[in-house]
Amino acid sequence: MNAMNPNPDAVMIDGARVVLGDRFEHVSLRIEGGLITGIETAADGATRVDARGMVLAPAMIDIHGDAFERQLMPRPGVMLPMEAALLETDRQLAANGIATAYHALTLSWEPGLRSVQTGWEMFEALTRLAPRLTVENRLQLRWETFCFEALPLIEASLAGPLMPSIAFNDHTSMAVLHPGTPLQSRPFDHDPAFPVVDMDSAAFAEKMDARAKRSHMSAGAFVDLMKVMWSRRANVQPVIADVAAKGRAAGAPMLSHDDSQPETRSFYRDHGARISEFPMNLPTAQAARDAGDWIIFGAPNAARGGSHLGSPGAADMIRLGLCDILASDYYYPAMLAAIARLQADGVGTLPDLWRLVADTPAKALNLHDRGRIAPGMRADLVLIDWPEGGTPAPRATWVGGKPAYRAMALGQG
C-alpha cells in the first residue's frame, strides 16, 4: 500500500451499463484480488475507471476457436515460430474481449499444421508461456478419431495444469464420403453401409489437393496415406471408447463435432460427450435438445447471416431454442459481431444473447467461477464502446482482475 493509492490492486468501474443476468443496470462494479468484490459498494481506495457511455459485460469464453492456425501458418505451407504465433493469438483474444479460450487443436494423422507433432509443440509451448499470457489459453483436443498416434498427447494434456476438452472429430469419413451423398445428412460415420468415394479416381485426388498442400505432400501421396488410414476403420470404435473413458475419468468436458444424424449424437452421448458442436441439420440438433445436451453453433455463421457450408443458420437455431453457445470457430471478432447482429435483427435482447458467449459456455465447460457478473465470481470482464446503432468495440479486458487489454479511443479516459 501507499499513501496515494491505499489499495492498488482494487479497481472500481463507474458509469457503465452492466450486463447482470437478464438485465442491464447502471451500477458501479468493484474488483480486487481477482474477484468481483461488490456491486454499488464503497470504492475503499480502489482505482476508478470512468466507463460512462459504455457496456460492461462478463468477458467471453470461446469454446472452440482455431484462428490461431492463421498466426501459425499465415500462408499455405508457411509455418512461423510457435511461441510467436501463440503470443500474437493471446493478444488477439484479449483485444476481442475473450478471457478464456479453448484452442481447437486438431490432432490428425495428416503431417504438417494439424499433425500430432505440431500438437505436442503447441501443448509444450503453452505450458512454457503460461506465466506470460494475458488470457487463459486452454486446449480443445480436436481428435481425429482415426489418429491413434494422438493418445499419448491426449493423456499428457488431461494430466496438465489446465483441464482441456475433448472433441471427437471424424473428418476422415467426411473426406471419403461418396459425392452423391450430401455432407449435411450423411449416414452415421460407423454405419457399415457408409457410402465411400472411389479413392482411385482423379476427382478424389483433385478434392484432396488442398489438404495435401497443407501437409506438404503431393495429392497422390496424400491419397495413399488416406487409404492406409481408412483401413483402420474397424478399430476406430474401440479407440474412441478408450479416449472417452480417459476423458470421463479426468472430468474433461467432451464434444462431438459436425454430427449429421441423431444416431451420431446418441453414440457420442453414450460415451459421455454431452456437447454437440455444429450439428449439421435440424433433426440432429433437435435430438440433442431432447436429450438435454448443450448445442454449439459458429459465431461467424451468426455474424454473416448464415453458414458457408449450408448447415443450419445460427440465428434460426437460437429462435428455435436449439443453440446454447456461440464459438469463434475461425474468427475471434465474430463472437461480438454475432451478438451485435442478433440484437439488431431482433433475435433477443443483449443480456439474453450475451449468455451464448459467457454464462452458458462456462456451464458446459464446468467453469463455475466465471461467465457472470456477481460478487465472488472471477473478475473476467470486458468494457465495450457500443454507440446506439453502431459497431461495438472492446476498450478494456480484465482476466482474473488483471488488465489484459486497454485501448481507449481519442477523447476517452
Foldseek 3Di string as FASTA:
>chain_A
DDPVFPAALKEKEAAAFEQFFQHTDRWIWMDGQQFTADINDDSVRHHYFDQHQWYKYFQFAFQEEAQLLCLQPVDQPDGDDQLVSVQVVLLVCFQLRHQHYAYAQADDPFAARNHLVVVVVNVVSCVVCVVVGQHHYHYAHAYQLLCLVNVVVLLVSLVDPDHHAYEYEHVLLVLFQAPVDQSLQFDQSLPPPGHGHDLPDPVSLVVCQSVQSSRVHHSVVVSVVSVVSVVCSVVRVVVVLVSLVSCVVSVFAYEYEQARDLVNVVSVVVSPHQEYEQDFEDVNLVSSVVVPGAYEDELVLQLVVHDPSNGDRPLVCLLVVRHQAYHPYNHSNSLLSNLVSSVVVVSGHSSVSLRRGFVRVCVSRVVVQGRRDDGRHRPFMWIWNDPVVDRIGTAWTHHSSHTDHHHDDPPGD
